[in-house]
Amino acid sequence: MANASKAGERVAVPPLFIFALRNVTEAAAREAYKWIGLGQKDKSDVAAAEAMRE
């Protein structure tokens, strides 16, 4: 792999990628939150996945 790093070596991650990843994770969490305590794990998973795709 051309981009592989050696053990212990840090690789710079672009700030825009980190920001986008945070936004996707937050969107999934917001949608899953709506289903907490309702015993609907499958619907929670679907809602989170759909939010990540948007």
PDB file of N, CA and C in Angstrom:
ATOM      1  N   MET A   1       0.836  -1.177   0.000  1.00  0.00           N
ATOM      2  CA  MET A   1       0.000   0.000   0.000  1.00  0.00           C
ATOM      3  C   MET A   1       0.881   1.241   0.000  1.00  0.00           C
ATOM      4  N   ALA A   2       0.608   2.132  -0.887  1.00  0.00           N
ATOM      5  CA  ALA A   2       1.428   3.328  -1.013  1.00  0.00           C
ATOM      6  C   ALA A   2       1.240   4.289   0.167  1.00  0.00           C
ATOM      7  N   ASN A   3       0.038   4.349   0.729  1.00  0.00           N
ATOM      8  CA  ASN A   3      -0.242   5.291   1.806  1.00  0.00           C
ATOM      9  C   ASN A   3      -0.108   4.685   3.195  1.00  0.00           C
ATOM     10  N   ALA A   4       0.313   3.442   3.272  1.00  0.00           N
ATOM     11  CA  ALA A   4       0.435   2.792   4.578  1.00  0.00           C
ATOM     12  C   ALA A   4       1.578   3.413   5.366  1.00  0.00           C
ATOM     13  N   SER A   5       1.386   3.541   6.664  1.00  0.00           N
ATOM     14  CA  SER A   5       2.432   4.097   7.505  1.00  0.00           C
ATOM     15  C   SER A   5       3.050   2.995   8.345  1.00  0.00           C
ATOM     16  N   LYS A   6       4.255   3.244   8.806  1.00  0.00           N
ATOM     17  CA  LYS A   6       4.922   2.292   9.672  1.00  0.00           C
ATOM     18  C   LYS A   6       4.302   2.373  11.057  1.00  0.00           C
ATOM     19  N   ALA A   7       4.464   1.347  11.846  1.00  0.00           N
ATOM     20  CA  ALA A   7       3.897   1.311  13.193  1.00  0.00           C
ATOM     21  C   ALA A   7       4.377   2.515  13.995  1.00  0.00           C
ATOM     22  N   GLY A   8       3.455   3.189  14.640  1.00  0.00           N
ATOM     23  CA  GLY A   8       3.791   4.337  15.465  1.00  0.00           C
ATOM     24  C   GLY A   8       3.920   5.645  14.714  1.00  0.00           C
ATOM     25  N   GLU A   9       3.864   5.603  13.406  1.00  0.00           N
ATOM     26  CA  GLU A   9       3.990   6.816  12.594  1.00  0.00           C
ATOM     27  C   GLU A   9       2.611   7.430  12.380  1.00  0.00           C
ATOM     28  N   ARG A  10       2.487   8.720  12.569  1.00  0.00           N
ATOM     29  CA  ARG A  10       1.206   9.402  12.391  1.00  0.00           C
ATOM     30  C   ARG A  10       1.026   9.854  10.952  1.00  0.00           C
ATOM     31  N   VAL A  11      -0.218   9.785  10.493  1.00  0.00           N
ATOM     32  CA  VAL A  11      -0.565  10.218   9.151  1.00  0.00           C
ATOM     33  C   VAL A  11      -1.502  11.420   9.270  1.00  0.00           C
ATOM     34  N   ALA A  12      -1.224  12.470   8.544  1.00  0.00           N
ATOM     35  CA  ALA A  12      -2.061  13.668   8.589  1.00  0.00           C
ATOM     36  C   ALA A  12      -3.412  13.389   7.937  1.00  0.00           C
ATOM     37  N   VAL A  13      -4.476  13.768   8.618  1.00  0.00           N
ATOM     38  CA  VAL A  13      -5.827  13.607   8.087  1.00  0.00           C
ATOM     39  C   VAL A  13      -6.336  15.003   7.742  1.00  0.00           C
ATOM     40  N   PRO A  14      -6.837  15.160   6.516  1.00  0.00           N
ATOM     41  CA  PRO A  14      -7.313  16.489   6.103  1.00  0.00           C
ATOM     42  C   PRO A  14      -8.430  16.994   7.017  1.00  0.00           C
ATOM     43  N   PRO A  15      -8.368  18.256   7.422  1.00  0.00           N
ATOM     44  CA  PRO A  15      -9.384  18.825   8.317  1.00  0.00           C
ATOM     45  C   PRO A  15     -10.810  18.736   7.762  1.00  0.00           C
ATOM     46  N   LEU A  16     -10.976  18.888   6.460  1.00  0.00           N
ATOM     47  CA  LEU A  16     -12.321  18.803   5.880  1.00  0.00           C
ATOM     48  C   LEU A  16     -12.892  17.397   6.012  1.00  0.00           C
ATOM     49  N   PHE A  17     -12.033  16.387   5.938  1.00  0.00           N
ATOM     50  CA  PHE A  17     -12.489  15.008   6.125  1.00  0.00           C
ATOM     51  C   PHE A  17     -12.977  14.805   7.559  1.00  0.00           C
ATOM     52  N   ILE A  18     -12.229  15.328   8.512  1.00  0.00           N
ATOM     53  CA  ILE A  18     -12.605  15.205   9.923  1.00  0.00           C
ATOM     54  C   ILE A  18     -13.940  15.900  10.170  1.00  0.00           C
ATOM     55  N   PHE A  19     -14.117  17.085   9.605  1.00  0.00           N
ATOM     56  CA  PHE A  19     -15.359  17.835   9.765  1.00  0.00           C
ATOM     57  C   PHE A  19     -16.534  17.071   9.154  1.00  0.00           C
ATOM     58  N   ALA A  20     -16.337  16.513   7.961  1.00  0.00           N
ATOM     59  CA  ALA A  20     -17.397  15.751   7.295  1.00  0.00           C
ATOM     60  C   ALA A  20     -17.748  14.500   8.097  1.00  0.00           C
ATOM     61  N   LEU A  21     -16.750  13.824   8.620  1.00  0.00           N
ATOM     62  CA  LEU A  21     -16.982  12.625   9.423  1.00  0.00           C
ATOM     63  C   LEU A  21     -17.780  12.975  10.681  1.00  0.00           C
ATOM     64  N   ARG A  22     -17.456  14.101  11.307  1.00  0.00           N
ATOM     65  CA  ARG A  22     -18.183  14.548  12.483  1.00  0.00           C
ATOM     66  C   ARG A  22     -19.637  14.848  12.155  1.00  0.00           C
ATOM     67  N   ASN A  23     -19.868  15.488  11.027  1.00  0.00           N
ATOM     68  CA  ASN A  23     -21.241  15.809  10.624  1.00  0.00           C
ATOM     69  C   ASN A  23     -22.068  14.554  10.370  1.00  0.00           C
ATOM     70  N   VAL A  24     -21.473  13.581   9.714  1.00  0.00           N
ATOM     71  CA  VAL A  24     -22.172  12.326   9.424  1.00  0.00           C
ATOM     72  C   VAL A  24     -22.504  11.589  10.715  1.00  0.00           C
ATOM     73  N   THR A  25     -21.538  11.541  11.625  1.00  0.00           N
ATOM     74  CA  THR A  25     -21.745  10.865  12.902  1.00  0.00           C
ATOM     75  C   THR A  25     -22.831  11.558  13.719  1.00  0.00           C
ATOM     76  N   GLU A  26     -22.815  12.879  13.718  1.00  0.00           N
ATOM     77  CA  GLU A  26     -23.825  13.634  14.457  1.00  0.00           C
ATOM     78  C   GLU A  26     -25.217  13.414  13.876  1.00  0.00           C
ATOM     79  N   ALA A  27     -25.338  13.405  12.568  1.00  0.00           N
ATOM     80  CA  ALA A  27     -26.635  13.181  11.927  1.00  0.00           C
ATOM     81  C   ALA A  27     -27.183  11.800  12.296  1.00  0.00           C
ATOM     82  N   ALA A  28     -26.331  10.802  12.291  1.00  0.00           N
ATOM     83  CA  ALA A  28     -26.755   9.449  12.651  1.00  0.00           C
ATOM     84  C   ALA A  28     -27.196   9.390  14.107  1.00  0.00           C
ATOM     85  N   ALA A  29     -26.457  10.040  14.975  1.00  0.00           N
ATOM     86  CA  ALA A  29     -26.800  10.038  16.398  1.00  0.00           C
ATOM     87  C   ALA A  29     -28.130  10.743  16.647  1.00  0.00           C
ATOM     88  N   ARG A  30     -28.364  11.842  15.952  1.00  0.00           N
ATOM     89  CA  ARG A  30     -29.624  12.580  16.132  1.00  0.00           C
ATOM     90  C   ARG A  30     -30.827  11.726  15.732  1.00  0.00           C
ATOM     91  N   GLU A  31     -30.704  11.009  14.639  1.00  0.00           N
ATOM     92  CA  GLU A  31     -31.808  10.159  14.190  1.00  0.00           C
ATOM     93  C   GLU A  31     -32.003   8.953  15.101  1.00  0.00           C
ATOM     94  N   ALA A  32     -30.918   8.345  15.537  1.00  0.00           N
ATOM     95  CA  ALA A  32     -31.011   7.182  16.424  1.00  0.00           C
ATOM     96  C   ALA A  32     -31.596   7.586  17.775  1.00  0.00           C
ATOM     97  N   TYR A  33     -31.314   8.787  18.225  1.00  0.00           N
ATOM     98  CA  TYR A  33     -31.789   9.289  19.523  1.00  0.00           C
ATOM     99  C   TYR A  33     -33.311   9.239  19.622  1.00  0.00           C
ATOM    100  N   LYS A  34     -33.968   9.477  18.512  1.00  0.00           N
ATOM    101  CA  LYS A  34     -35.438   9.497  18.495  1.00  0.00           C
ATOM    102  C   LYS A  34     -36.041   8.147  18.869  1.00  0.00           C
ATOM    103  N   TRP A  35     -35.265   7.080  18.729  1.00  0.00           N
ATOM    104  CA  TRP A  35     -35.755   5.727  18.956  1.00  0.00           C
ATOM    105  C   TRP A  35     -35.340   5.149  20.307  1.00  0.00           C
ATOM    106  N   ILE A  36     -34.601   5.903  21.095  1.00  0.00           N
ATOM    107  CA  ILE A  36     -34.129   5.398  22.388  1.00  0.00           C
ATOM    108  C   ILE A  36     -35.316   5.058  23.284  1.00  0.00           C
ATOM    109  N   GLY A  37     -35.268   3.875  23.885  1.00  0.00           N
ATOM    110  CA  GLY A  37     -36.284   3.445  24.835  1.00  0.00           C
ATOM    111  C   GLY A  37     -37.559   2.913  24.224  1.00  0.00           C
ATOM    112  N   LEU A  38     -37.625   2.838  22.909  1.00  0.00           N
ATOM    113  CA  LEU A  38     -38.845   2.360  22.262  1.00  0.00           C
ATOM    114  C   LEU A  38     -38.773   0.892  21.871  1.00  0.00           C
ATOM    115  N   GLY A  39     -37.619   0.259  22.080  1.00  0.00           N
ATOM    116  CA  GLY A  39     -37.471  -1.151  21.737  1.00  0.00           C
ATOM    117  C   GLY A  39     -37.499  -1.410  20.238  1.00  0.00           C
ATOM    118  N   GLN A  40     -37.086  -0.434  19.476  1.00  0.00           N
ATOM    119  CA  GLN A  40     -37.125  -0.533  18.010  1.00  0.00           C
ATOM    120  C   GLN A  40     -35.718  -0.401  17.437  1.00  0.00           C
ATOM    121  N   LYS A  41     -34.810  -1.295  17.825  1.00  0.00           N
ATOM    122  CA  LYS A  41     -33.409  -1.198  17.410  1.00  0.00           C
ATOM    123  C   LYS A  41     -33.267  -1.184  15.891  1.00  0.00           C
ATOM    124  N   ASP A  42     -34.030  -2.028  15.214  1.00  0.00           N
ATOM    125  CA  ASP A  42     -33.920  -2.088  13.754  1.00  0.00           C
ATOM    126  C   ASP A  42     -34.303  -0.757  13.103  1.00  0.00           C
ATOM    127  N   LYS A  43     -35.353  -0.145  13.592  1.00  0.00           N
ATOM    128  CA  LYS A  43     -35.770   1.152  13.036  1.00  0.00           C
ATOM    129  C   LYS A  43     -34.749   2.231  13.352  1.00  0.00           C
ATOM    130  N   SER A  44     -34.150   2.134  14.524  1.00  0.00           N
ATOM    131  CA  SER A  44     -33.092   3.074  14.903  1.00  0.00           C
ATOM    132  C   SER A  44     -31.903   2.944  13.958  1.00  0.00           C
ATOM    133  N   ASP A  45     -31.508   1.708  13.679  1.00  0.00           N
ATOM    134  CA  ASP A  45     -30.384   1.464  12.774  1.00  0.00           C
ATOM    135  C   ASP A  45     -30.668   2.001  11.372  1.00  0.00           C
ATOM    136  N   VAL A  46     -31.875   1.766  10.887  1.00  0.00           N
ATOM    137  CA  VAL A  46     -32.251   2.238   9.549  1.00  0.00           C
ATOM    138  C   VAL A  46     -32.242   3.759   9.497  1.00  0.00           C
ATOM    139  N   ALA A  47     -32.800   4.393  10.520  1.00  0.00           N
ATOM    140  CA  ALA A  47     -32.847   5.857  10.561  1.00  0.00           C
ATOM    141  C   ALA A  47     -31.435   6.443  10.581  1.00  0.00           C
ATOM    142  N   ALA A  48     -30.546   5.848  11.374  1.00  0.00           N
ATOM    143  CA  ALA A  48     -29.164   6.339  11.449  1.00  0.00           C
ATOM    144  C   ALA A  48     -28.449   6.152  10.121  1.00  0.00           C
ATOM    145  N   ALA A  49     -28.612   5.009   9.503  1.00  0.00           N
ATOM    146  CA  ALA A  49     -27.952   4.748   8.221  1.00  0.00           C
ATOM    147  C   ALA A  49     -28.453   5.686   7.138  1.00  0.00           C
ATOM    148  N   GLU A  50     -29.760   5.945   7.115  1.00  0.00           N
ATOM    149  CA  GLU A  50     -30.312   6.864   6.125  1.00  0.00           C
ATOM    150  C   GLU A  50     -29.785   8.286   6.340  1.00  0.00           C
ATOM    151  N   ALA A  51     -29.649   8.677   7.588  1.00  0.00           N
ATOM    152  CA  ALA A  51     -29.112  10.009   7.887  1.00  0.00           C
ATOM    153  C   ALA A  51     -27.669  10.127   7.410  1.00  0.00           C
ATOM    154  N   MET A  52     -26.904   9.064   7.540  1.00  0.00           N
ATOM    155  CA  MET A  52     -25.506   9.097   7.094  1.00  0.00           C
ATOM    156  C   MET A  52     -25.410   9.193   5.575  1.00  0.00           C
ATOM    157  N   ARG A  53     -26.375   8.661   4.875  1.00  0.00           N
ATOM    158  CA  ARG A  53     -26.346   8.680   3.405  1.00  0.00           C
ATOM    159  C   ARG A  53     -26.760  10.029   2.826  1.00  0.00           C
ATOM    160  N   GLU A  54     -27.456  10.837   3.610  1.00  0.00           N
ATOM    161  CA  GLU A  54     -27.943  12.135   3.112  1.00  0.00           C
ATOM    162  C   GLU A  54     -26.845  13.144   2.979  1.00  0.00           C
TER     163      GLU A  54
END
